[in-house]
PDB file of N, CA and C in Angstrom:
ATOM      1  N   UNK A   1     120.201 229.486 404.468  1.00  0.00           N
ATOM      2  CA  UNK A   1     120.422 230.543 403.528  1.00  0.00           C
ATOM      3  C   UNK A   1     121.923 230.761 403.377  1.00  0.00           C
ATOM      4  N   UNK A   2     122.383 230.793 402.150  1.00  0.00           N
ATOM      5  CA  UNK A   2     123.815 230.992 401.965  1.00  0.00           C
ATOM      6  C   UNK A   2     124.143 232.488 401.848  1.00  0.00           C
ATOM      7  N   UNK A   3     125.415 232.793 401.773  1.00  0.00           N
ATOM      8  CA  UNK A   3     125.867 234.182 401.783  1.00  0.00           C
ATOM      9  C   UNK A   3     125.404 234.943 400.542  1.00  0.00           C
ATOM     10  N   UNK A   4     125.338 234.281 399.403  1.00  0.00           N
ATOM     11  CA  UNK A   4     124.905 234.938 398.170  1.00  0.00           C
ATOM     12  C   UNK A   4     123.443 235.380 398.266  1.00  0.00           C
ATOM     13  N   UNK A   5     122.587 234.544 398.836  1.00  0.00           N
ATOM     14  CA  UNK A   5     121.186 234.904 399.001  1.00  0.00           C
ATOM     15  C   UNK A   5     121.018 236.066 399.967  1.00  0.00           C
ATOM     16  N   UNK A   6     121.801 236.082 401.017  1.00  0.00           N
ATOM     17  CA  UNK A   6     121.742 237.181 401.985  1.00  0.00           C
ATOM     18  C   UNK A   6     122.184 238.476 401.332  1.00  0.00           C
ATOM     19  N   UNK A   7     123.261 238.444 400.551  1.00  0.00           N
ATOM     20  CA  UNK A   7     123.735 239.643 399.863  1.00  0.00           C
ATOM     21  C   UNK A   7     122.721 240.146 398.857  1.00  0.00           C
ATOM     22  N   UNK A   8     121.996 239.239 398.199  1.00  0.00           N
ATOM     23  CA  UNK A   8     120.972 239.637 397.246  1.00  0.00           C
ATOM     24  C   UNK A   8     119.837 240.364 397.957  1.00  0.00           C
ATOM     25  N   UNK A   9     119.414 239.852 399.099  1.00  0.00           N
ATOM     26  CA  UNK A   9     118.341 240.498 399.854  1.00  0.00           C
ATOM     27  C   UNK A   9     118.782 241.854 400.389  1.00  0.00           C
ATOM     28  N   UNK A  10     120.001 241.949 400.871  1.00  0.00           N
ATOM     29  CA  UNK A  10     120.508 243.225 401.376  1.00  0.00           C
ATOM     30  C   UNK A  10     120.630 244.216 400.226  1.00  0.00           C
ATOM     31  N   UNK A  11     121.057 243.778 399.070  1.00  0.00           N
ATOM     32  CA  UNK A  11     121.152 244.643 397.899  1.00  0.00           C
ATOM     33  C   UNK A  11     119.802 245.177 397.473  1.00  0.00           C
ATOM     34  N   UNK A  12     118.762 244.359 397.602  1.00  0.00           N
ATOM     35  CA  UNK A  12     117.416 244.790 397.263  1.00  0.00           C
ATOM     36  C   UNK A  12     116.946 245.889 398.216  1.00  0.00           C
ATOM     37  N   UNK A  13     117.235 245.728 399.502  1.00  0.00           N
ATOM     38  CA  UNK A  13     116.815 246.725 400.480  1.00  0.00           C
ATOM     39  C   UNK A  13     117.558 248.046 400.316  1.00  0.00           C
ATOM     40  N   UNK A  14     118.772 248.005 399.789  1.00  0.00           N
ATOM     41  CA  UNK A  14     119.530 249.232 399.576  1.00  0.00           C
ATOM     42  C   UNK A  14     118.938 250.069 398.444  1.00  0.00           C
ATOM     43  N   UNK A  15     118.186 249.445 397.549  1.00  0.00           N
ATOM     44  CA  UNK A  15     117.595 250.171 396.429  1.00  0.00           C
ATOM     45  C   UNK A  15     116.362 250.974 396.834  1.00  0.00           C
ATOM     46  N   UNK A  16     115.741 250.615 397.948  1.00  0.00           N
ATOM     47  CA  UNK A  16     114.571 251.333 398.427  1.00  0.00           C
ATOM     48  C   UNK A  16     115.046 252.467 399.330  1.00  0.00           C
ATOM     49  N   UNK A  17     114.662 253.710 399.021  1.00  0.00           N
ATOM     50  CA  UNK A  17     115.109 254.833 399.855  1.00  0.00           C
ATOM     51  C   UNK A  17     114.617 254.704 401.293  1.00  0.00           C
ATOM     52  N   UNK A  18     115.460 255.076 402.233  1.00  0.00           N
ATOM     53  CA  UNK A  18     115.123 254.965 403.646  1.00  0.00           C
ATOM     54  C   UNK A  18     113.914 255.827 403.997  1.00  0.00           C
ATOM     55  N   UNK A  19     113.823 257.010 403.401  1.00  0.00           N
ATOM     56  CA  UNK A  19     112.696 257.892 403.681  1.00  0.00           C
ATOM     57  C   UNK A  19     111.378 257.249 403.268  1.00  0.00           C
ATOM     58  N   UNK A  20     111.383 256.528 402.173  1.00  0.00           N
ATOM     59  CA  UNK A  20     110.167 255.835 401.725  1.00  0.00           C
ATOM     60  C   UNK A  20     109.802 254.703 402.674  1.00  0.00           C
ATOM     61  N   UNK A  21     110.802 254.007 403.201  1.00  0.00           N
ATOM     62  CA  UNK A  21     110.536 252.936 404.163  1.00  0.00           C
ATOM     63  C   UNK A  21     109.951 253.494 405.456  1.00  0.00           C
ATOM     64  N   UNK A  22     110.455 254.649 405.892  1.00  0.00           N
ATOM     65  CA  UNK A  22     109.911 255.292 407.082  1.00  0.00           C
ATOM     66  C   UNK A  22     108.460 255.691 406.834  1.00  0.00           C
ATOM     67  N   UNK A  23     108.179 256.213 405.648  1.00  0.00           N
ATOM     68  CA  UNK A  23     106.809 256.575 405.292  1.00  0.00           C
ATOM     69  C   UNK A  23     105.893 255.374 405.272  1.00  0.00           C
ATOM     70  N   UNK A  24     106.402 254.248 404.821  1.00  0.00           N
ATOM     71  CA  UNK A  24     105.619 253.015 404.799  1.00  0.00           C
ATOM     72  C   UNK A  24     105.216 252.602 406.211  1.00  0.00           C
ATOM     73  N   UNK A  25     106.164 252.649 407.129  1.00  0.00           N
ATOM     74  CA  UNK A  25     105.889 252.253 408.516  1.00  0.00           C
ATOM     75  C   UNK A  25     104.948 253.251 409.195  1.00  0.00           C
ATOM     76  N   UNK A  26     105.214 254.544 409.035  1.00  0.00           N
ATOM     77  CA  UNK A  26     104.366 255.559 409.654  1.00  0.00           C
ATOM     78  C   UNK A  26     102.951 255.491 409.078  1.00  0.00           C
ATOM     79  N   UNK A  27     102.837 255.275 407.776  1.00  0.00           N
ATOM     80  CA  UNK A  27     101.517 255.148 407.156  1.00  0.00           C
ATOM     81  C   UNK A  27     100.757 253.938 407.651  1.00  0.00           C
ATOM     82  N   UNK A  28     101.453 252.829 407.838  1.00  0.00           N
ATOM     83  CA  UNK A  28     100.804 251.622 408.354  1.00  0.00           C
ATOM     84  C   UNK A  28     100.288 251.854 409.769  1.00  0.00           C
ATOM     85  N   UNK A  29     101.091 252.504 410.586  1.00  0.00           N
ATOM     86  CA  UNK A  29     100.656 252.821 411.950  1.00  0.00           C
ATOM     87  C   UNK A  29      99.464 253.774 411.911  1.00  0.00           C
ATOM     88  N   UNK A  30      99.540 254.768 411.045  1.00  0.00           N
ATOM     89  CA  UNK A  30      98.430 255.711 410.904  1.00  0.00           C
ATOM     90  C   UNK A  30      97.158 255.042 410.411  1.00  0.00           C
ATOM     91  N   UNK A  31      97.281 254.111 409.493  1.00  0.00           N
ATOM     92  CA  UNK A  31      96.117 253.381 408.997  1.00  0.00           C
ATOM     93  C   UNK A  31      95.463 252.551 410.079  1.00  0.00           C
ATOM     94  N   UNK A  32      96.270 251.938 410.910  1.00  0.00           N
ATOM     95  CA  UNK A  32      95.704 251.139 412.005  1.00  0.00           C
ATOM     96  C   UNK A  32      95.046 252.036 413.048  1.00  0.00           C
ATOM     97  N   UNK A  33      95.666 253.159 413.353  1.00  0.00           N
ATOM     98  CA  UNK A  33      95.064 254.099 414.302  1.00  0.00           C
ATOM     99  C   UNK A  33      93.739 254.622 413.751  1.00  0.00           C
ATOM    100  N   UNK A  34      93.688 254.883 412.455  1.00  0.00           N
ATOM    101  CA  UNK A  34      92.433 255.319 411.822  1.00  0.00           C
ATOM    102  C   UNK A  34      91.361 254.243 411.976  1.00  0.00           C
ATOM    103  N   UNK A  35      91.741 252.986 411.803  1.00  0.00           N
ATOM    104  CA  UNK A  35      90.797 251.878 411.982  1.00  0.00           C
ATOM    105  C   UNK A  35      90.265 251.845 413.411  1.00  0.00           C
ATOM    106  N   UNK A  36      91.154 252.026 414.380  1.00  0.00           N
ATOM    107  CA  UNK A  36      90.755 251.949 415.790  1.00  0.00           C
ATOM    108  C   UNK A  36      89.881 253.143 416.178  1.00  0.00           C
ATOM    109  N   UNK A  37      90.276 254.350 415.776  1.00  0.00           N
ATOM    110  CA  UNK A  37      89.573 255.557 416.215  1.00  0.00           C
ATOM    111  C   UNK A  37      88.309 255.847 415.407  1.00  0.00           C
ATOM    112  N   UNK A  38      88.364 255.684 414.086  1.00  0.00           N
ATOM    113  CA  UNK A  38      87.225 256.023 413.228  1.00  0.00           C
ATOM    114  C   UNK A  38      86.469 254.758 412.860  1.00  0.00           C
ATOM    115  N   UNK A  39      87.162 253.856 412.170  1.00  0.00           N
ATOM    116  CA  UNK A  39      86.598 252.552 411.827  1.00  0.00           C
ATOM    117  C   UNK A  39      85.266 252.622 411.104  1.00  0.00           C
ATOM    118  N   UNK A  40      84.537 251.528 411.171  1.00  0.00           N
ATOM    119  CA  UNK A  40      83.234 251.426 410.538  1.00  0.00           C
ATOM    120  C   UNK A  40      82.391 250.481 411.396  1.00  0.00           C
ATOM    121  N   UNK A  41      81.406 251.026 412.051  1.00  0.00           N
ATOM    122  CA  UNK A  41      80.606 250.253 412.996  1.00  0.00           C
ATOM    123  C   UNK A  41      79.739 249.219 412.288  1.00  0.00           C
ATOM    124  N   UNK A  42      79.166 249.599 411.153  1.00  0.00           N
ATOM    125  CA  UNK A  42      78.234 248.691 410.476  1.00  0.00           C
ATOM    126  C   UNK A  42      78.937 247.546 409.758  1.00  0.00           C
ATOM    127  N   UNK A  43      80.219 247.709 409.417  1.00  0.00           N
ATOM    128  CA  UNK A  43      80.958 246.665 408.717  1.00  0.00           C
ATOM    129  C   UNK A  43      80.783 246.693 407.211  1.00  0.00           C
ATOM    130  N   UNK A  44      80.111 247.718 406.684  1.00  0.00           N
ATOM    131  CA  UNK A  44      79.890 247.798 405.242  1.00  0.00           C
ATOM    132  C   UNK A  44      80.942 248.618 404.512  1.00  0.00           C
ATOM    133  N   UNK A  45      81.807 249.284 405.257  1.00  0.00           N
ATOM    134  CA  UNK A  45      82.858 250.094 404.637  1.00  0.00           C
ATOM    135  C   UNK A  45      83.987 249.167 404.182  1.00  0.00           C
ATOM    136  N   UNK A  46      84.371 249.276 402.937  1.00  0.00           N
ATOM    137  CA  UNK A  46      85.345 248.338 402.369  1.00  0.00           C
ATOM    138  C   UNK A  46      86.732 248.460 402.986  1.00  0.00           C
ATOM    139  N   UNK A  47      87.166 249.660 403.274  1.00  0.00           N
ATOM    140  CA  UNK A  47      88.530 249.853 403.756  1.00  0.00           C
ATOM    141  C   UNK A  47      88.590 249.878 405.280  1.00  0.00           C
ATOM    142  N   UNK A  48      87.722 250.648 405.920  1.00  0.00           N
ATOM    143  CA  UNK A  48      87.854 250.866 407.361  1.00  0.00           C
ATOM    144  C   UNK A  48      87.196 249.791 408.219  1.00  0.00           C
ATOM    145  N   UNK A  49      86.497 248.854 407.632  1.00  0.00           N
ATOM    146  CA  UNK A  49      85.888 247.806 408.448  1.00  0.00           C
ATOM    147  C   UNK A  49      86.863 246.660 408.737  1.00  0.00           C
ATOM    148  N   UNK A  50      87.973 246.629 408.032  1.00  0.00           N
ATOM    149  CA  UNK A  50      88.952 245.563 408.165  1.00  0.00           C
ATOM    150  C   UNK A  50      90.300 246.172 408.568  1.00  0.00           C
ATOM    151  N   UNK A  51      90.895 245.770 409.692  1.00  0.00           N
ATOM    152  CA  UNK A  51      92.165 246.386 410.101  1.00  0.00           C
ATOM    153  C   UNK A  51      93.304 246.134 409.114  1.00  0.00           C
ATOM    154  N   UNK A  52      93.288 245.013 408.423  1.00  0.00           N
ATOM    155  CA  UNK A  52      94.351 244.715 407.449  1.00  0.00           C
ATOM    156  C   UNK A  52      94.275 245.658 406.253  1.00  0.00           C
ATOM    157  N   UNK A  53      93.071 245.904 405.766  1.00  0.00           N
ATOM    158  CA  UNK A  53      92.919 246.809 404.625  1.00  0.00           C
ATOM    159  C   UNK A  53      93.265 248.240 405.011  1.00  0.00           C
ATOM    160  N   UNK A  54      92.819 248.661 406.178  1.00  0.00           N
ATOM    161  CA  UNK A  54      93.108 250.008 406.647  1.00  0.00           C
ATOM    162  C   UNK A  54      94.606 250.218 406.822  1.00  0.00           C
ATOM    163  N   UNK A  55      95.284 249.221 407.366  1.00  0.00           N
ATOM    164  CA  UNK A  55      96.734 249.301 407.562  1.00  0.00           C
ATOM    165  C   UNK A  55      97.463 249.302 406.215  1.00  0.00           C
ATOM    166  N   UNK A  56      97.012 248.479 405.279  1.00  0.00           N
ATOM    167  CA  UNK A  56      97.653 248.417 403.954  1.00  0.00           C
ATOM    168  C   UNK A  56      97.485 249.731 403.199  1.00  0.00           C
ATOM    169  N   UNK A  57      96.285 250.300 403.219  1.00  0.00           N
ATOM    170  CA  UNK A  57      96.066 251.574 402.545  1.00  0.00           C
ATOM    171  C   UNK A  57      96.853 252.695 403.217  1.00  0.00           C
ATOM    172  N   UNK A  58      96.926 252.674 404.534  1.00  0.00           N
ATOM    173  CA  UNK A  58      97.731 253.669 405.242  1.00  0.00           C
ATOM    174  C   UNK A  58      99.198 253.563 404.864  1.00  0.00           C
ATOM    175  N   UNK A  59      99.697 252.335 404.760  1.00  0.00           N
ATOM    176  CA  UNK A  59     101.094 252.129 404.362  1.00  0.00           C
ATOM    177  C   UNK A  59     101.335 252.633 402.943  1.00  0.00           C
ATOM    178  N   UNK A  60     100.400 252.380 402.049  1.00  0.00           N
ATOM    179  CA  UNK A  60     100.544 252.841 400.660  1.00  0.00           C
ATOM    180  C   UNK A  60     100.561 254.367 400.597  1.00  0.00           C
ATOM    181  N   UNK A  61      99.647 255.004 401.311  1.00  0.00           N
ATOM    182  CA  UNK A  61      99.622 256.465 401.315  1.00  0.00           C
ATOM    183  C   UNK A  61     100.874 257.041 401.963  1.00  0.00           C
ATOM    184  N   UNK A  62     101.324 256.437 403.050  1.00  0.00           N
ATOM    185  CA  UNK A  62     102.539 256.901 403.704  1.00  0.00           C
ATOM    186  C   UNK A  62     103.744 256.790 402.795  1.00  0.00           C
ATOM    187  N   UNK A  63     103.842 255.675 402.078  1.00  0.00           N
ATOM    188  CA  UNK A  63     104.948 255.488 401.134  1.00  0.00           C
ATOM    189  C   UNK A  63     104.921 256.562 400.048  1.00  0.00           C
ATOM    190  N   UNK A  64     103.741 256.794 399.480  1.00  0.00           N
ATOM    191  CA  UNK A  64     103.631 257.766 398.396  1.00  0.00           C
ATOM    192  C   UNK A  64     103.923 259.184 398.860  1.00  0.00           C
ATOM    193  N   UNK A  65     103.444 259.528 400.037  1.00  0.00           N
ATOM    194  CA  UNK A  65     103.678 260.879 400.541  1.00  0.00           C
ATOM    195  C   UNK A  65     105.158 261.095 400.855  1.00  0.00           C
ATOM    196  N   UNK A  66     105.791 260.152 401.527  1.00  0.00           N
ATOM    197  CA  UNK A  66     107.210 260.316 401.856  1.00  0.00           C
ATOM    198  C   UNK A  66     108.095 260.182 400.616  1.00  0.00           C
ATOM    199  N   UNK A  67     107.622 259.475 399.603  1.00  0.00           N
ATOM    200  CA  UNK A  67     108.393 259.322 398.376  1.00  0.00           C
ATOM    201  C   UNK A  67     108.473 260.638 397.596  1.00  0.00           C
ATOM    202  N   UNK A  68     107.536 261.546 397.856  1.00  0.00           N
ATOM    203  CA  UNK A  68     107.559 262.840 397.166  1.00  0.00           C
ATOM    204  C   UNK A  68     108.766 263.671 397.577  1.00  0.00           C
ATOM    205  N   UNK A  69     109.335 263.403 398.752  1.00  0.00           N
ATOM    206  CA  UNK A  69     110.398 264.236 399.284  1.00  0.00           C
ATOM    207  C   UNK A  69     111.799 263.726 398.975  1.00  0.00           C
ATOM    208  N   UNK A  70     111.918 262.710 398.127  1.00  0.00           N
ATOM    209  CA  UNK A  70     113.265 262.231 397.821  1.00  0.00           C
ATOM    210  C   UNK A  70     113.955 263.204 396.876  1.00  0.00           C
ATOM    211  N   UNK A  71     115.252 263.245 396.992  1.00  0.00           N
ATOM    212  CA  UNK A  71     116.028 264.171 396.173  1.00  0.00           C
ATOM    213  C   UNK A  71     116.182 263.645 394.763  1.00  0.00           C
ATOM    214  N   UNK A  72     116.161 264.557 393.822  1.00  0.00           N
ATOM    215  CA  UNK A  72     116.376 264.187 392.434  1.00  0.00           C
ATOM    216  C   UNK A  72     117.866 264.218 392.141  1.00  0.00           C
ATOM    217  N   UNK A  73     118.321 263.288 391.337  1.00  0.00           N
ATOM    218  CA  UNK A  73     119.731 263.250 390.968  1.00  0.00           C
ATOM    219  C   UNK A  73     119.985 264.284 389.878  1.00  0.00           C
ATOM    220  N   UNK A  74     121.077 265.001 390.021  1.00  0.00           N
ATOM    221  CA  UNK A  74     121.448 265.986 389.014  1.00  0.00           C
ATOM    222  C   UNK A  74     122.130 265.277 387.857  1.00  0.00           C
ATOM    223  N   UNK A  75     121.727 265.645 386.666  1.00  0.00           N
ATOM    224  CA  UNK A  75     122.376 265.064 385.484  1.00  0.00           C
ATOM    225  C   UNK A  75     123.351 266.080 384.917  1.00  0.00           C
ATOM    226  N   UNK A  76     124.580 265.655 384.776  1.00  0.00           N
ATOM    227  CA  UNK A  76     125.604 266.554 384.244  1.00  0.00           C
ATOM    228  C   UNK A  76     125.712 266.323 382.742  1.00  0.00           C
ATOM    229  N   UNK A  77     125.529 267.400 382.000  1.00  0.00           N
ATOM    230  CA  UNK A  77     125.586 267.295 380.524  1.00  0.00           C
ATOM    231  C   UNK A  77     126.973 267.559 380.025  1.00  0.00           C
TER     232      UNK A  77
END
């Protein structure tokens, strides 16, 4: 990987708010814990019967919830 590719990837990560990234990680952990503690014994539940789906949905919800708390930029007229 050359320096230009590394700078492009770092630039992409700077565009995502840190609070949203924290929400993504916390949501993923929460989704997995939900799978372990609640889960679905019969295996017929679409989301909670699969740890990958439960973790992905938890990450999505965590991202959305933490994204609500980002600050709005003031526009000067």
